[in-house]
Amino acid sequence: MGWYSNKIEKLRQLSNPYFVLFVTAKVIGGLGIGVLLANWLPIWTWWIFIVIAAIIAIPVYGKLFGK
């Protein structure tokens, strides 16, 4: 299997709490980036959403890309 297939398989094997964190991080990150791009304003408050998404995603990416 290739690199991508291995990562998808690890994603499928995640427990429910980690999968919920993964989806939550993607949604919050997408909302934050979407609002930044839609408004194109240098509003610092939307960076909070991106930082929160990154913090939530840390344990998930540790599981996915860890050994």
N, C-alpha and C. Protein backbone atom coordinates (compact mmCIF):
# COMPACT_ATOMS: atom_id res chain seq x y z
N MET A 1 0.84 -1.18 0.00
CA MET A 1 0.00 0.00 0.00
C MET A 1 0.88 1.24 0.00
N GLY A 2 0.35 2.31 -0.54
CA GLY A 2 1.07 3.56 -0.61
C GLY A 2 0.95 4.37 0.67
N TRP A 3 1.63 5.50 0.67
CA TRP A 3 1.64 6.38 1.84
C TRP A 3 0.24 6.86 2.16
N TYR A 4 -0.50 7.27 1.12
CA TYR A 4 -1.86 7.79 1.32
C TYR A 4 -2.78 6.70 1.87
N SER A 5 -2.67 5.51 1.34
CA SER A 5 -3.50 4.39 1.80
C SER A 5 -3.23 4.06 3.26
N ASN A 6 -1.96 4.14 3.66
CA ASN A 6 -1.62 3.89 5.06
C ASN A 6 -2.25 4.93 5.98
N LYS A 7 -2.24 6.18 5.57
CA LYS A 7 -2.83 7.24 6.40
C LYS A 7 -4.35 7.11 6.49
N ILE A 8 -4.98 6.73 5.39
CA ILE A 8 -6.43 6.51 5.41
C ILE A 8 -6.78 5.34 6.31
N GLU A 9 -5.98 4.31 6.27
CA GLU A 9 -6.22 3.14 7.14
C GLU A 9 -6.06 3.53 8.61
N LYS A 10 -5.06 4.34 8.93
CA LYS A 10 -4.91 4.81 10.31
C LYS A 10 -6.11 5.66 10.73
N LEU A 11 -6.63 6.46 9.80
CA LEU A 11 -7.79 7.29 10.10
C LEU A 11 -9.01 6.41 10.37
N ARG A 12 -9.15 5.34 9.64
CA ARG A 12 -10.27 4.42 9.86
C ARG A 12 -10.16 3.69 11.18
N GLN A 13 -8.97 3.50 11.68
CA GLN A 13 -8.76 2.77 12.92
C GLN A 13 -8.81 3.66 14.16
N LEU A 14 -9.01 4.95 13.98
CA LEU A 14 -9.09 5.85 15.13
C LEU A 14 -10.31 5.53 15.98
N SER A 15 -10.15 5.72 17.28
CA SER A 15 -11.29 5.55 18.18
C SER A 15 -12.24 6.73 17.97
N ASN A 16 -13.45 6.58 18.45
CA ASN A 16 -14.46 7.62 18.25
C ASN A 16 -14.06 8.99 18.78
N PRO A 17 -13.49 9.09 20.00
CA PRO A 17 -13.12 10.43 20.48
C PRO A 17 -12.09 11.12 19.57
N TYR A 18 -11.10 10.37 19.08
CA TYR A 18 -10.11 10.97 18.20
C TYR A 18 -10.72 11.34 16.85
N PHE A 19 -11.65 10.55 16.37
CA PHE A 19 -12.29 10.86 15.10
C PHE A 19 -13.15 12.12 15.23
N VAL A 20 -13.84 12.27 16.37
CA VAL A 20 -14.62 13.48 16.60
C VAL A 20 -13.71 14.70 16.68
N LEU A 21 -12.55 14.56 17.34
CA LEU A 21 -11.59 15.66 17.38
C LEU A 21 -11.09 16.01 15.99
N PHE A 22 -10.85 15.01 15.17
CA PHE A 22 -10.39 15.23 13.80
C PHE A 22 -11.42 16.01 13.00
N VAL A 23 -12.67 15.58 13.06
CA VAL A 23 -13.73 16.25 12.32
C VAL A 23 -13.96 17.66 12.86
N THR A 24 -13.93 17.82 14.18
CA THR A 24 -14.12 19.13 14.79
C THR A 24 -13.03 20.10 14.37
N ALA A 25 -11.80 19.63 14.36
CA ALA A 25 -10.68 20.48 13.95
C ALA A 25 -10.84 20.91 12.49
N LYS A 26 -11.26 19.99 11.64
CA LYS A 26 -11.46 20.33 10.23
C LYS A 26 -12.58 21.36 10.05
N VAL A 27 -13.66 21.19 10.78
CA VAL A 27 -14.79 22.12 10.66
C VAL A 27 -14.41 23.51 11.17
N ILE A 28 -13.80 23.57 12.35
CA ILE A 28 -13.43 24.87 12.91
C ILE A 28 -12.37 25.54 12.03
N GLY A 29 -11.40 24.78 11.57
CA GLY A 29 -10.39 25.34 10.69
C GLY A 29 -10.99 25.84 9.38
N GLY A 30 -11.90 25.06 8.82
CA GLY A 30 -12.56 25.48 7.58
C GLY A 30 -13.39 26.73 7.77
N LEU A 31 -14.09 26.82 8.89
CA LEU A 31 -14.88 28.02 9.17
C LEU A 31 -13.98 29.24 9.33
N GLY A 32 -12.90 29.06 10.08
CA GLY A 32 -11.98 30.19 10.30
C GLY A 32 -11.36 30.69 9.01
N ILE A 33 -10.87 29.77 8.19
CA ILE A 33 -10.26 30.16 6.92
C ILE A 33 -11.31 30.73 5.98
N GLY A 34 -12.51 30.12 5.98
CA GLY A 34 -13.58 30.61 5.12
C GLY A 34 -13.99 32.03 5.45
N VAL A 35 -14.11 32.32 6.73
CA VAL A 35 -14.50 33.68 7.13
C VAL A 35 -13.38 34.66 6.80
N LEU A 36 -12.13 34.26 7.02
CA LEU A 36 -11.01 35.14 6.67
C LEU A 36 -11.02 35.47 5.18
N LEU A 37 -11.23 34.46 4.37
CA LEU A 37 -11.22 34.69 2.93
C LEU A 37 -12.46 35.44 2.47
N ALA A 38 -13.62 35.14 3.05
CA ALA A 38 -14.86 35.79 2.64
C ALA A 38 -14.85 37.28 2.97
N ASN A 39 -14.36 37.62 4.11
CA ASN A 39 -14.36 39.03 4.53
C ASN A 39 -13.09 39.76 4.14
N TRP A 40 -12.01 39.02 4.04
CA TRP A 40 -10.70 39.58 3.71
C TRP A 40 -10.37 40.77 4.60
N LEU A 41 -10.67 40.60 5.87
CA LEU A 41 -10.38 41.64 6.84
C LEU A 41 -9.28 41.14 7.77
N PRO A 42 -8.41 42.04 8.19
CA PRO A 42 -7.36 41.62 9.13
C PRO A 42 -7.88 41.55 10.57
N ILE A 43 -8.96 40.88 10.76
CA ILE A 43 -9.55 40.76 12.09
C ILE A 43 -8.86 39.62 12.83
N TRP A 44 -8.27 39.93 13.96
CA TRP A 44 -7.51 38.93 14.70
C TRP A 44 -8.40 37.89 15.34
N THR A 45 -9.68 38.19 15.52
CA THR A 45 -10.54 37.24 16.22
C THR A 45 -10.72 35.93 15.45
N TRP A 46 -10.66 35.96 14.13
CA TRP A 46 -10.85 34.72 13.38
C TRP A 46 -9.62 33.83 13.45
N TRP A 47 -8.49 34.42 13.79
CA TRP A 47 -7.30 33.59 13.99
C TRP A 47 -7.47 32.69 15.21
N ILE A 48 -8.33 33.08 16.13
CA ILE A 48 -8.59 32.25 17.31
C ILE A 48 -9.17 30.90 16.88
N PHE A 49 -10.09 30.91 15.91
CA PHE A 49 -10.67 29.66 15.41
C PHE A 49 -9.60 28.77 14.81
N ILE A 50 -8.68 29.34 14.08
CA ILE A 50 -7.63 28.56 13.45
C ILE A 50 -6.69 27.96 14.51
N VAL A 51 -6.36 28.74 15.52
CA VAL A 51 -5.49 28.25 16.60
C VAL A 51 -6.19 27.15 17.38
N ILE A 52 -7.47 27.31 17.67
CA ILE A 52 -8.22 26.28 18.38
C ILE A 52 -8.27 24.99 17.56
N ALA A 53 -8.49 25.11 16.27
CA ALA A 53 -8.52 23.93 15.40
C ALA A 53 -7.17 23.23 15.39
N ALA A 54 -6.10 23.99 15.37
CA ALA A 54 -4.77 23.39 15.38
C ALA A 54 -4.50 22.68 16.70
N ILE A 55 -4.93 23.28 17.81
CA ILE A 55 -4.72 22.66 19.12
C ILE A 55 -5.54 21.37 19.24
N ILE A 56 -6.77 21.39 18.74
CA ILE A 56 -7.60 20.19 18.79
C ILE A 56 -7.01 19.09 17.92
N ALA A 57 -6.41 19.47 16.80
CA ALA A 57 -5.90 18.47 15.85
C ALA A 57 -4.58 17.84 16.27
N ILE A 58 -3.87 18.41 17.22
CA ILE A 58 -2.56 17.89 17.60
C ILE A 58 -2.61 16.42 18.03
N PRO A 59 -3.51 16.00 18.92
CA PRO A 59 -3.51 14.58 19.29
C PRO A 59 -3.88 13.65 18.14
N VAL A 60 -4.77 14.13 17.26
CA VAL A 60 -5.18 13.30 16.13
C VAL A 60 -4.03 13.10 15.17
N TYR A 61 -3.33 14.18 14.83
CA TYR A 61 -2.22 14.06 13.91
C TYR A 61 -1.07 13.28 14.54
N GLY A 62 -0.96 13.35 15.85
CA GLY A 62 0.03 12.52 16.53
C GLY A 62 -0.27 11.04 16.35
N LYS A 63 -1.55 10.69 16.43
CA LYS A 63 -1.94 9.31 16.22
C LYS A 63 -1.76 8.89 14.75
N LEU A 64 -2.12 9.77 13.83
CA LEU A 64 -2.05 9.43 12.42
C LEU A 64 -0.61 9.31 11.92
N PHE A 65 0.23 10.25 12.30
CA PHE A 65 1.58 10.29 11.77
C PHE A 65 2.63 9.74 12.71
N GLY A 66 2.19 9.28 13.90
CA GLY A 66 3.12 8.66 14.84
C GLY A 66 3.47 7.25 14.40
N LYS A 67 4.41 6.70 15.10
CA LYS A 67 4.86 5.33 14.75
C LYS A 67 4.00 4.27 15.36
